[in-house]
């Protein structure tokens, strides 16, 4: 009877020890079901895309000036090329002609007086001076203010202010508008990628950045600035493009913040706290990191997931 008790007791002890051992082994093993912490690989923010249009570097439109009379002679034809200073057309003023004719008759009467007086001689001199002055306004030649291609709009205008013709510089550029948040992303001579409507791409250089806002006189909350880029001459004026502007910034979600000014960087399968500097964006759930992170490093996307 005592043998059975001993065997039973020993068996219970062995089973207990075995159970404790197995539990200890299992407890010290990492669980395979544990959810891995999602990470972010640090990269520069994706480029922004803005629209631009093929335009001449310079253009001008001439309008009808009724005070100069009517257009009497044309020296150019539609679609012709002109240089600055070339004659375009000539005004002729019938009202001035009538004044000249009237004064010439007065002058003729005085000249043919049988006994001219000192007063009549003075009047004759005044009339002649007035006639000479009017002659300078009888015909008015208009010349091209800029060089370029000419487009005739209306050869025979009748209303003051009507467009007569336009001249467009034959040198083309791509013009686009950036707001004050986008403007710091570019600089003159920077190379950008251009996409046309047929999904073809080419490289372009920033030729000019206008530092004075286009909408300075308005009360808009955001200022806008004109930028000019080099282009391909084969594209006609008016062609639209999509311009790719790189952003050399590092943007991460606010969920990646560990403390107020730190993130968790993954190193050798461990997460290490690192201080960063950043500023907030217009999006409340994103920040722009200015110091503390390097390209291709990995950080915890949500620090709450890190045990």
C-alpha atoms as a PDB file:
ATOM      1  CA  UNK A   1       0.000   0.000   0.000  1.00  0.00           C
ATOM      2  CA  UNK A   2       2.837   2.358   0.830  1.00  0.00           C
ATOM      3  CA  UNK A   3       4.473   1.525  -2.529  1.00  0.00           C
ATOM      4  CA  UNK A   4       1.400   2.734  -4.398  1.00  0.00           C
ATOM      5  CA  UNK A   5       1.356   5.965  -2.434  1.00  0.00           C
ATOM      6  CA  UNK A   6       5.034   6.568  -3.163  1.00  0.00           C
ATOM      7  CA  UNK A   7       4.602   5.874  -6.896  1.00  0.00           C
ATOM      8  CA  UNK A   8       1.561   8.134  -7.079  1.00  0.00           C
ATOM      9  CA  UNK A   9       3.325  10.931  -5.227  1.00  0.00           C
ATOM     10  CA  UNK A  10       6.430  10.692  -7.437  1.00  0.00           C
ATOM     11  CA  UNK A  11       4.260  10.701 -10.575  1.00  0.00           C
ATOM     12  CA  UNK A  12       2.432  13.833  -9.445  1.00  0.00           C
ATOM     13  CA  UNK A  13       5.716  15.567  -8.706  1.00  0.00           C
ATOM     14  CA  UNK A  14       7.117  14.641 -12.147  1.00  0.00           C
ATOM     15  CA  UNK A  15       3.980  15.816 -13.936  1.00  0.00           C
ATOM     16  CA  UNK A  16       4.029  19.099 -12.011  1.00  0.00           C
ATOM     17  CA  UNK A  17       7.701  19.687 -12.797  1.00  0.00           C
ATOM     18  CA  UNK A  18       7.135  18.875 -16.473  1.00  0.00           C
ATOM     19  CA  UNK A  19       4.212  21.284 -16.650  1.00  0.00           C
ATOM     20  CA  UNK A  20       6.199  24.057 -15.009  1.00  0.00           C
ATOM     21  CA  UNK A  21       9.077  23.466 -17.427  1.00  0.00           C
ATOM     22  CA  UNK A  22       6.881  23.544 -20.486  1.00  0.00           C
ATOM     23  CA  UNK A  23       5.154  26.723 -19.293  1.00  0.00           C
ATOM     24  CA  UNK A  24       8.509  28.385 -18.721  1.00  0.00           C
ATOM     25  CA  UNK A  25       9.705  27.515 -22.205  1.00  0.00           C
ATOM     26  CA  UNK A  26       6.519  28.734 -23.814  1.00  0.00           C
ATOM     27  CA  UNK A  27       6.447  31.928 -21.771  1.00  0.00           C
ATOM     28  CA  UNK A  28       9.989  32.819 -22.820  1.00  0.00           C
ATOM     29  CA  UNK A  29       9.336  32.293 -26.532  1.00  0.00           C
ATOM     30  CA  UNK A  30       8.169  35.328 -28.615  1.00  0.00           C
ATOM     31  CA  UNK A  31       4.632  34.898 -29.789  1.00  0.00           C
ATOM     32  CA  UNK A  32       4.310  34.376 -33.537  1.00  0.00           C
ATOM     33  CA  UNK A  33       0.893  35.963 -33.494  1.00  0.00           C
ATOM     34  CA  UNK A  34       2.212  39.366 -32.352  1.00  0.00           C
ATOM     35  CA  UNK A  35       1.344  42.070 -34.925  1.00  0.00           C
ATOM     36  CA  UNK A  36       4.487  43.673 -36.415  1.00  0.00           C
ATOM     37  CA  UNK A  37       4.827  47.441 -36.005  1.00  0.00           C
ATOM     38  CA  UNK A  38       4.106  49.276 -39.265  1.00  0.00           C
ATOM     39  CA  UNK A  39       6.996  51.491 -40.368  1.00  0.00           C
ATOM     40  CA  UNK A  40       7.564  54.365 -42.776  1.00  0.00           C
ATOM     41  CA  UNK A  41      10.630  54.535 -45.011  1.00  0.00           C
ATOM     42  CA  UNK A  42      11.788  58.145 -45.047  1.00  0.00           C
ATOM     43  CA  UNK A  43      11.702  59.696 -48.524  1.00  0.00           C
ATOM     44  CA  UNK A  44      11.337  63.183 -49.911  1.00  0.00           C
ATOM     45  CA  UNK A  45       7.741  64.288 -50.312  1.00  0.00           C
ATOM     46  CA  UNK A  46       6.209  63.531 -53.730  1.00  0.00           C
ATOM     47  CA  UNK A  47       6.569  66.322 -56.323  1.00  0.00           C
ATOM     48  CA  UNK A  48       3.728  68.731 -56.891  1.00  0.00           C
ATOM     49  CA  UNK A  49       2.168  69.203 -60.320  1.00  0.00           C
ATOM     50  CA  UNK A  50       1.158  72.630 -61.621  1.00  0.00           C
ATOM     51  CA  UNK A  51      -0.273  73.746 -64.951  1.00  0.00           C
ATOM     52  CA  UNK A  52       1.505  76.045 -67.383  1.00  0.00           C
ATOM     53  CA  UNK A  53       0.922  77.380 -70.887  1.00  0.00           C
ATOM     54  CA  UNK A  54       3.054  78.128 -73.936  1.00  0.00           C
ATOM     55  CA  UNK A  55       3.121  81.896 -74.389  1.00  0.00           C
ATOM     56  CA  UNK A  56       5.172  84.531 -76.215  1.00  0.00           C
ATOM     57  CA  UNK A  57       7.746  86.346 -74.112  1.00  0.00           C
ATOM     58  CA  UNK A  58       6.133  89.634 -75.110  1.00  0.00           C
ATOM     59  CA  UNK A  59       2.948  90.758 -76.831  1.00  0.00           C
ATOM     60  CA  UNK A  60       1.048  93.949 -77.500  1.00  0.00           C
ATOM     61  CA  UNK A  61      -2.316  94.959 -78.955  1.00  0.00           C
ATOM     62  CA  UNK A  62      -2.877  98.248 -80.790  1.00  0.00           C
ATOM     63  CA  UNK A  63      -6.327  99.864 -80.613  1.00  0.00           C
ATOM     64  CA  UNK A  64      -8.073 102.377 -82.843  1.00  0.00           C
ATOM     65  CA  UNK A  65      -7.478 106.013 -81.879  1.00  0.00           C
ATOM     66  CA  UNK A  66     -10.375 107.954 -83.395  1.00  0.00           C
ATOM     67  CA  UNK A  67      -8.766 111.311 -82.538  1.00  0.00           C
ATOM     68  CA  UNK A  68      -6.164 110.675 -85.259  1.00  0.00           C
ATOM     69  CA  UNK A  69      -8.734 110.168 -88.034  1.00  0.00           C
ATOM     70  CA  UNK A  70      -9.209 106.967 -90.059  1.00  0.00           C
ATOM     71  CA  UNK A  71      -6.668 104.391 -91.222  1.00  0.00           C
ATOM     72  CA  UNK A  72      -5.659 105.446 -94.714  1.00  0.00           C
ATOM     73  CA  UNK A  73      -2.724 103.194 -95.630  1.00  0.00           C
ATOM     74  CA  UNK A  74      -1.482  99.778 -94.496  1.00  0.00           C
ATOM     75  CA  UNK A  75       2.189  98.798 -94.778  1.00  0.00           C
ATOM     76  CA  UNK A  76       1.899  95.229 -93.445  1.00  0.00           C
ATOM     77  CA  UNK A  77      -0.182  92.111 -94.067  1.00  0.00           C
ATOM     78  CA  UNK A  78      -1.674  89.522 -91.735  1.00  0.00           C
ATOM     79  CA  UNK A  79       0.793  86.982 -90.269  1.00  0.00           C
ATOM     80  CA  UNK A  80       3.799  88.987 -91.394  1.00  0.00           C
ATOM     81  CA  UNK A  81       6.889  89.353 -89.224  1.00  0.00           C
ATOM     82  CA  UNK A  82       7.860  92.849 -88.133  1.00  0.00           C
ATOM     83  CA  UNK A  83      10.722  94.459 -86.284  1.00  0.00           C
ATOM     84  CA  UNK A  84      10.382  97.156 -83.666  1.00  0.00           C
ATOM     85  CA  UNK A  85      10.159 100.499 -85.499  1.00  0.00           C
ATOM     86  CA  UNK A  86       8.707  99.119 -88.755  1.00  0.00           C
ATOM     87  CA  UNK A  87       5.805 101.128 -90.237  1.00  0.00           C
ATOM     88  CA  UNK A  88       2.451  99.407 -89.671  1.00  0.00           C
ATOM     89  CA  UNK A  89      -0.241 101.809 -90.914  1.00  0.00           C
ATOM     90  CA  UNK A  90      -1.065 105.490 -91.289  1.00  0.00           C
ATOM     91  CA  UNK A  91      -3.939 107.589 -89.968  1.00  0.00           C
ATOM     92  CA  UNK A  92      -5.399 110.375 -92.106  1.00  0.00           C
ATOM     93  CA  UNK A  93      -7.453 113.062 -90.346  1.00  0.00           C
ATOM     94  CA  UNK A  94     -10.114 114.778 -92.529  1.00  0.00           C
ATOM     95  CA  UNK A  95     -11.016 117.181 -89.709  1.00  0.00           C
ATOM     96  CA  UNK A  96      -7.443 118.493 -89.715  1.00  0.00           C
ATOM     97  CA  UNK A  97      -7.587 118.772 -93.500  1.00  0.00           C
ATOM     98  CA  UNK A  98     -10.673 120.989 -93.228  1.00  0.00           C
ATOM     99  CA  UNK A  99      -8.941 123.244 -90.710  1.00  0.00           C
ATOM    100  CA  UNK A 100      -5.913 123.532 -92.978  1.00  0.00           C
ATOM    101  CA  UNK A 101      -8.108 124.387 -95.986  1.00  0.00           C
ATOM    102  CA  UNK A 102      -9.967 127.057 -94.013  1.00  0.00           C
ATOM    103  CA  UNK A 103      -6.772 128.707 -92.786  1.00  0.00           C
ATOM    104  CA  UNK A 104      -5.179 128.525 -96.242  1.00  0.00           C
ATOM    105  CA  UNK A 105      -8.122 130.486 -97.648  1.00  0.00           C
ATOM    106  CA  UNK A 106      -7.737 133.092 -94.915  1.00  0.00           C
ATOM    107  CA  UNK A 107      -4.035 133.309 -95.644  1.00  0.00           C
ATOM    108  CA  UNK A 108      -4.637 133.627 -99.394  1.00  0.00           C
ATOM    109  CA  UNK A 109      -7.007 136.554 -98.806  1.00  0.00           C
ATOM    110  CA  UNK A 110      -4.428 138.378 -96.695  1.00  0.00           C
ATOM    111  CA  UNK A 111      -1.588 137.710 -99.116  1.00  0.00           C
ATOM    112  CA  UNK A 112      -3.556 139.110-102.039  1.00  0.00           C
ATOM    113  CA  UNK A 113      -4.548 142.320-100.272  1.00  0.00           C
ATOM    114  CA  UNK A 114      -3.672 145.311-102.505  1.00  0.00           C
ATOM    115  CA  UNK A 115      -2.113 147.188 -99.597  1.00  0.00           C
ATOM    116  CA  UNK A 116      -0.900 144.773 -96.871  1.00  0.00           C
ATOM    117  CA  UNK A 117      -0.541 146.328 -93.446  1.00  0.00           C
ATOM    118  CA  UNK A 118       1.728 145.533 -90.527  1.00  0.00           C
ATOM    119  CA  UNK A 119      -1.192 143.858 -88.750  1.00  0.00           C
ATOM    120  CA  UNK A 120      -2.153 141.773 -91.805  1.00  0.00           C
ATOM    121  CA  UNK A 121       1.483 140.650 -92.169  1.00  0.00           C
ATOM    122  CA  UNK A 122       1.530 139.499 -88.531  1.00  0.00           C
ATOM    123  CA  UNK A 123      -1.774 137.668 -89.009  1.00  0.00           C
ATOM    124  CA  UNK A 124      -0.399 135.991 -92.134  1.00  0.00           C
ATOM    125  CA  UNK A 125       2.648 134.762 -90.218  1.00  0.00           C
ATOM    126  CA  UNK A 126       0.427 133.389 -87.440  1.00  0.00           C
ATOM    127  CA  UNK A 127      -1.832 131.593 -89.921  1.00  0.00           C
ATOM    128  CA  UNK A 128       1.159 130.044 -91.690  1.00  0.00           C
ATOM    129  CA  UNK A 129       2.562 128.775 -88.384  1.00  0.00           C
ATOM    130  CA  UNK A 130      -0.821 127.265 -87.510  1.00  0.00           C
ATOM    131  CA  UNK A 131      -1.042 125.608 -90.929  1.00  0.00           C
ATOM    132  CA  UNK A 132       2.449 124.142 -90.514  1.00  0.00           C
ATOM    133  CA  UNK A 133       1.501 122.773 -87.085  1.00  0.00           C
ATOM    134  CA  UNK A 134      -1.734 121.250 -88.416  1.00  0.00           C
ATOM    135  CA  UNK A 135       0.186 119.591 -91.272  1.00  0.00           C
ATOM    136  CA  UNK A 136       2.147 117.558 -88.721  1.00  0.00           C
ATOM    137  CA  UNK A 137      -1.140 116.054 -87.454  1.00  0.00           C
ATOM    138  CA  UNK A 138      -2.757 115.455 -90.828  1.00  0.00           C
ATOM    139  CA  UNK A 139      -1.052 112.077 -91.225  1.00  0.00           C
ATOM    140  CA  UNK A 140       0.131 109.933 -88.312  1.00  0.00           C
ATOM    141  CA  UNK A 141       2.311 106.920 -88.947  1.00  0.00           C
ATOM    142  CA  UNK A 142       2.171 104.091 -86.398  1.00  0.00           C
ATOM    143  CA  UNK A 143       5.232 101.852 -85.972  1.00  0.00           C
ATOM    144  CA  UNK A 144       5.707  98.463 -84.324  1.00  0.00           C
ATOM    145  CA  UNK A 145       6.530  98.834 -80.608  1.00  0.00           C
ATOM    146  CA  UNK A 146       8.064  95.327 -80.480  1.00  0.00           C
ATOM    147  CA  UNK A 147       9.394  92.704 -82.885  1.00  0.00           C
ATOM    148  CA  UNK A 148       7.319  89.621 -83.623  1.00  0.00           C
ATOM    149  CA  UNK A 149       4.526  88.034 -85.613  1.00  0.00           C
ATOM    150  CA  UNK A 150       1.604  90.269 -86.555  1.00  0.00           C
ATOM    151  CA  UNK A 151      -2.080  89.326 -86.496  1.00  0.00           C
ATOM    152  CA  UNK A 152      -4.560  91.757 -88.062  1.00  0.00           C
ATOM    153  CA  UNK A 153      -7.810  91.975 -86.127  1.00  0.00           C
ATOM    154  CA  UNK A 154      -9.647  94.786 -87.923  1.00  0.00           C
ATOM    155  CA  UNK A 155      -8.302  96.680 -90.936  1.00  0.00           C
ATOM    156  CA  UNK A 156     -11.198  99.152 -90.977  1.00  0.00           C
ATOM    157  CA  UNK A 157     -12.164  99.993 -87.391  1.00  0.00           C
ATOM    158  CA  UNK A 158     -14.975 102.468 -86.766  1.00  0.00           C
ATOM    159  CA  UNK A 159     -15.238 102.648 -82.968  1.00  0.00           C
ATOM    160  CA  UNK A 160     -12.687 104.159 -80.630  1.00  0.00           C
ATOM    161  CA  UNK A 161     -10.788 101.515 -78.690  1.00  0.00           C
ATOM    162  CA  UNK A 162     -11.431  98.671 -81.137  1.00  0.00           C
ATOM    163  CA  UNK A 163      -8.449  96.280 -81.411  1.00  0.00           C
ATOM    164  CA  UNK A 164      -6.644  96.738 -84.713  1.00  0.00           C
ATOM    165  CA  UNK A 165      -3.781  94.274 -84.536  1.00  0.00           C
ATOM    166  CA  UNK A 166      -1.637  92.245 -82.160  1.00  0.00           C
ATOM    167  CA  UNK A 167       2.073  91.500 -82.240  1.00  0.00           C
ATOM    168  CA  UNK A 168       3.471  88.425 -80.517  1.00  0.00           C
ATOM    169  CA  UNK A 169       7.122  87.785 -79.866  1.00  0.00           C
ATOM    170  CA  UNK A 170       8.319  84.739 -81.810  1.00  0.00           C
ATOM    171  CA  UNK A 171      10.367  83.653 -78.794  1.00  0.00           C
ATOM    172  CA  UNK A 172       8.226  81.385 -76.605  1.00  0.00           C
ATOM    173  CA  UNK A 173       8.286  80.375 -72.954  1.00  0.00           C
ATOM    174  CA  UNK A 174       6.107  78.369 -70.594  1.00  0.00           C
ATOM    175  CA  UNK A 175       4.382  80.630 -68.093  1.00  0.00           C
ATOM    176  CA  UNK A 176       2.919  79.364 -64.835  1.00  0.00           C
ATOM    177  CA  UNK A 177       1.720  80.783 -61.549  1.00  0.00           C
ATOM    178  CA  UNK A 178       2.875  79.636 -58.098  1.00  0.00           C
ATOM    179  CA  UNK A 179       1.451  80.638 -54.748  1.00  0.00           C
ATOM    180  CA  UNK A 180       3.619  81.841 -51.871  1.00  0.00           C
ATOM    181  CA  UNK A 181       3.832  78.341 -50.359  1.00  0.00           C
ATOM    182  CA  UNK A 182       5.033  76.814 -53.657  1.00  0.00           C
ATOM    183  CA  UNK A 183       7.432  79.605 -54.669  1.00  0.00           C
ATOM    184  CA  UNK A 184      10.336  78.512 -52.372  1.00  0.00           C
ATOM    185  CA  UNK A 185      10.419  75.131 -54.155  1.00  0.00           C
ATOM    186  CA  UNK A 186      12.067  76.580 -57.270  1.00  0.00           C
ATOM    187  CA  UNK A 187      14.976  78.806 -58.228  1.00  0.00           C
ATOM    188  CA  UNK A 188      16.342  80.207 -61.482  1.00  0.00           C
ATOM    189  CA  UNK A 189      18.289  77.742 -63.669  1.00  0.00           C
ATOM    190  CA  UNK A 190      16.684  74.792 -61.869  1.00  0.00           C
ATOM    191  CA  UNK A 191      15.788  71.889 -64.193  1.00  0.00           C
ATOM    192  CA  UNK A 192      12.169  70.687 -64.170  1.00  0.00           C
ATOM    193  CA  UNK A 193      10.267  67.909 -65.941  1.00  0.00           C
ATOM    194  CA  UNK A 194       7.488  68.953 -68.336  1.00  0.00           C
ATOM    195  CA  UNK A 195       4.614  66.707 -69.475  1.00  0.00           C
ATOM    196  CA  UNK A 196       2.584  67.616 -72.567  1.00  0.00           C
ATOM    197  CA  UNK A 197      -0.978  66.539 -73.399  1.00  0.00           C
ATOM    198  CA  UNK A 198       0.321  63.533 -75.400  1.00  0.00           C
ATOM    199  CA  UNK A 199       2.174  62.235 -72.301  1.00  0.00           C
ATOM    200  CA  UNK A 200       5.569  63.109 -73.758  1.00  0.00           C
ATOM    201  CA  UNK A 201       8.141  64.639 -71.423  1.00  0.00           C
ATOM    202  CA  UNK A 202      11.094  66.973 -71.775  1.00  0.00           C
ATOM    203  CA  UNK A 203      13.413  68.908 -69.493  1.00  0.00           C
ATOM    204  CA  UNK A 204      13.064  72.643 -68.956  1.00  0.00           C
ATOM    205  CA  UNK A 205      14.980  75.307 -67.050  1.00  0.00           C
ATOM    206  CA  UNK A 206      13.560  78.031 -64.862  1.00  0.00           C
ATOM    207  CA  UNK A 207      14.427  81.250 -66.709  1.00  0.00           C
ATOM    208  CA  UNK A 208      12.725  83.854 -64.566  1.00  0.00           C
ATOM    209  CA  UNK A 209      10.974  84.029 -61.206  1.00  0.00           C
ATOM    210  CA  UNK A 210       9.009  87.229 -60.687  1.00  0.00           C
ATOM    211  CA  UNK A 211       9.555  88.272 -57.071  1.00  0.00           C
ATOM    212  CA  UNK A 212       6.648  90.738 -57.155  1.00  0.00           C
ATOM    213  CA  UNK A 213       3.177  89.178 -56.739  1.00  0.00           C
ATOM    214  CA  UNK A 214       0.689  89.340 -59.587  1.00  0.00           C
ATOM    215  CA  UNK A 215      -2.205  89.998 -57.221  1.00  0.00           C
ATOM    216  CA  UNK A 216      -0.473  92.615 -55.058  1.00  0.00           C
ATOM    217  CA  UNK A 217      -3.350  95.083 -55.409  1.00  0.00           C
ATOM    218  CA  UNK A 218      -6.029  92.538 -54.502  1.00  0.00           C
ATOM    219  CA  UNK A 219      -7.034  91.416 -51.028  1.00  0.00           C
ATOM    220  CA  UNK A 220      -6.403  87.723 -51.706  1.00  0.00           C
ATOM    221  CA  UNK A 221      -5.143  85.762 -48.711  1.00  0.00           C
ATOM    222  CA  UNK A 222      -2.416  84.095 -50.798  1.00  0.00           C
ATOM    223  CA  UNK A 223      -0.040  85.930 -53.136  1.00  0.00           C
ATOM    224  CA  UNK A 224       0.735  84.484 -56.573  1.00  0.00           C
ATOM    225  CA  UNK A 225       3.893  84.857 -58.665  1.00  0.00           C
ATOM    226  CA  UNK A 226       4.618  84.400 -62.373  1.00  0.00           C
ATOM    227  CA  UNK A 227       7.386  82.003 -63.401  1.00  0.00           C
ATOM    228  CA  UNK A 228       8.846  81.538 -66.900  1.00  0.00           C
ATOM    229  CA  UNK A 229      10.418  78.291 -68.141  1.00  0.00           C
ATOM    230  CA  UNK A 230      12.298  77.363 -71.298  1.00  0.00           C
ATOM    231  CA  UNK A 231      10.285  75.353 -73.828  1.00  0.00           C
ATOM    232  CA  UNK A 232      10.337  73.613 -77.200  1.00  0.00           C
ATOM    233  CA  UNK A 233       9.590  75.858 -80.185  1.00  0.00           C
ATOM    234  CA  UNK A 234       7.479  73.168 -81.888  1.00  0.00           C
ATOM    235  CA  UNK A 235       4.599  73.716 -79.477  1.00  0.00           C
ATOM    236  CA  UNK A 236       2.186  76.457 -80.632  1.00  0.00           C
ATOM    237  CA  UNK A 237       1.183  79.353 -78.407  1.00  0.00           C
ATOM    238  CA  UNK A 238      -1.619  78.246 -76.099  1.00  0.00           C
ATOM    239  CA  UNK A 239      -0.372  74.671 -75.562  1.00  0.00           C
ATOM    240  CA  UNK A 240      -0.920  73.497 -71.982  1.00  0.00           C
ATOM    241  CA  UNK A 241       1.592  71.515 -69.931  1.00  0.00           C
ATOM    242  CA  UNK A 242       1.858  69.821 -66.560  1.00  0.00           C
ATOM    243  CA  UNK A 243       5.020  70.868 -64.701  1.00  0.00           C
ATOM    244  CA  UNK A 244       6.562  68.575 -62.095  1.00  0.00           C
ATOM    245  CA  UNK A 245       8.179  70.453 -59.202  1.00  0.00           C
ATOM    246  CA  UNK A 246      10.172  68.334 -56.716  1.00  0.00           C
ATOM    247  CA  UNK A 247       9.746  68.879 -52.991  1.00  0.00           C
ATOM    248  CA  UNK A 248      12.993  68.432 -51.029  1.00  0.00           C
ATOM    249  CA  UNK A 249      11.071  68.005 -47.815  1.00  0.00           C
ATOM    250  CA  UNK A 250      10.356  65.098 -45.457  1.00  0.00           C
ATOM    251  CA  UNK A 251       6.712  64.783 -44.541  1.00  0.00           C
ATOM    252  CA  UNK A 252       5.430  62.352 -41.882  1.00  0.00           C
ATOM    253  CA  UNK A 253       2.108  61.814 -40.083  1.00  0.00           C
ATOM    254  CA  UNK A 254       1.655  63.246 -36.605  1.00  0.00           C
ATOM    255  CA  UNK A 255       0.988  59.680 -35.400  1.00  0.00           C
ATOM    256  CA  UNK A 256       4.748  59.052 -35.824  1.00  0.00           C
ATOM    257  CA  UNK A 257       5.553  61.496 -33.012  1.00  0.00           C
ATOM    258  CA  UNK A 258       6.668  59.627 -29.898  1.00  0.00           C
ATOM    259  CA  UNK A 259       6.864  62.641 -27.679  1.00  0.00           C
ATOM    260  CA  UNK A 260       6.361  66.284 -28.558  1.00  0.00           C
ATOM    261  CA  UNK A 261       9.660  66.439 -30.464  1.00  0.00           C
ATOM    262  CA  UNK A 262      10.811  62.863 -31.139  1.00  0.00           C
ATOM    263  CA  UNK A 263      10.143  59.758 -33.246  1.00  0.00           C
ATOM    264  CA  UNK A 264      11.059  56.072 -32.973  1.00  0.00           C
ATOM    265  CA  UNK A 265      13.738  55.015 -35.486  1.00  0.00           C
ATOM    266  CA  UNK A 266      14.087  51.296 -36.265  1.00  0.00           C
ATOM    267  CA  UNK A 267      17.638  49.974 -35.795  1.00  0.00           C
ATOM    268  CA  UNK A 268      18.547  46.257 -35.654  1.00  0.00           C
ATOM    269  CA  UNK A 269      14.904  45.289 -35.063  1.00  0.00           C
ATOM    270  CA  UNK A 270      14.647  47.731 -32.176  1.00  0.00           C
ATOM    271  CA  UNK A 271      13.055  51.158 -31.960  1.00  0.00           C
ATOM    272  CA  UNK A 272      15.234  53.986 -30.679  1.00  0.00           C
ATOM    273  CA  UNK A 273      13.958  57.425 -29.747  1.00  0.00           C
ATOM    274  CA  UNK A 274      15.411  60.340 -31.727  1.00  0.00           C
ATOM    275  CA  UNK A 275      14.838  64.078 -31.400  1.00  0.00           C
ATOM    276  CA  UNK A 276      13.616  65.930 -34.483  1.00  0.00           C
ATOM    277  CA  UNK A 277      12.765  69.473 -35.549  1.00  0.00           C
ATOM    278  CA  UNK A 278       9.659  70.127 -37.590  1.00  0.00           C
ATOM    279  CA  UNK A 279       6.896  72.550 -38.436  1.00  0.00           C
ATOM    280  CA  UNK A 280       3.196  71.989 -38.905  1.00  0.00           C
ATOM    281  CA  UNK A 281       1.466  72.055 -42.287  1.00  0.00           C
ATOM    282  CA  UNK A 282      -1.998  73.205 -43.253  1.00  0.00           C
ATOM    283  CA  UNK A 283      -3.004  69.572 -42.858  1.00  0.00           C
ATOM    284  CA  UNK A 284      -3.462  68.917 -39.149  1.00  0.00           C
ATOM    285  CA  UNK A 285      -2.352  65.274 -39.397  1.00  0.00           C
ATOM    286  CA  UNK A 286       1.013  65.937 -41.099  1.00  0.00           C
ATOM    287  CA  UNK A 287       4.283  67.664 -40.218  1.00  0.00           C
ATOM    288  CA  UNK A 288       7.392  68.678 -42.202  1.00  0.00           C
ATOM    289  CA  UNK A 289      10.639  67.451 -40.615  1.00  0.00           C
ATOM    290  CA  UNK A 290      13.567  69.859 -41.009  1.00  0.00           C
ATOM    291  CA  UNK A 291      16.195  68.071 -38.886  1.00  0.00           C
ATOM    292  CA  UNK A 292      16.783  64.631 -37.388  1.00  0.00           C
ATOM    293  CA  UNK A 293      15.831  62.162 -40.129  1.00  0.00           C
ATOM    294  CA  UNK A 294      17.740  60.746 -43.101  1.00  0.00           C
ATOM    295  CA  UNK A 295      16.508  59.342 -46.393  1.00  0.00           C
ATOM    296  CA  UNK A 296      15.770  55.556 -46.320  1.00  0.00           C
ATOM    297  CA  UNK A 297      15.612  55.366 -42.523  1.00  0.00           C
ATOM    298  CA  UNK A 298      12.588  53.582 -41.071  1.00  0.00           C
ATOM    299  CA  UNK A 299      10.405  54.975 -38.297  1.00  0.00           C
ATOM    300  CA  UNK A 300       7.298  53.708 -36.540  1.00  0.00           C
ATOM    301  CA  UNK A 301       4.210  54.966 -38.347  1.00  0.00           C
ATOM    302  CA  UNK A 302       2.177  54.949 -35.145  1.00  0.00           C
ATOM    303  CA  UNK A 303       4.219  55.061 -31.937  1.00  0.00           C
ATOM    304  CA  UNK A 304       1.238  53.754 -29.962  1.00  0.00           C
ATOM    305  CA  UNK A 305       1.818  50.370 -31.634  1.00  0.00           C
ATOM    306  CA  UNK A 306       5.308  50.082 -30.129  1.00  0.00           C
ATOM    307  CA  UNK A 307       5.240  48.128 -26.850  1.00  0.00           C
END
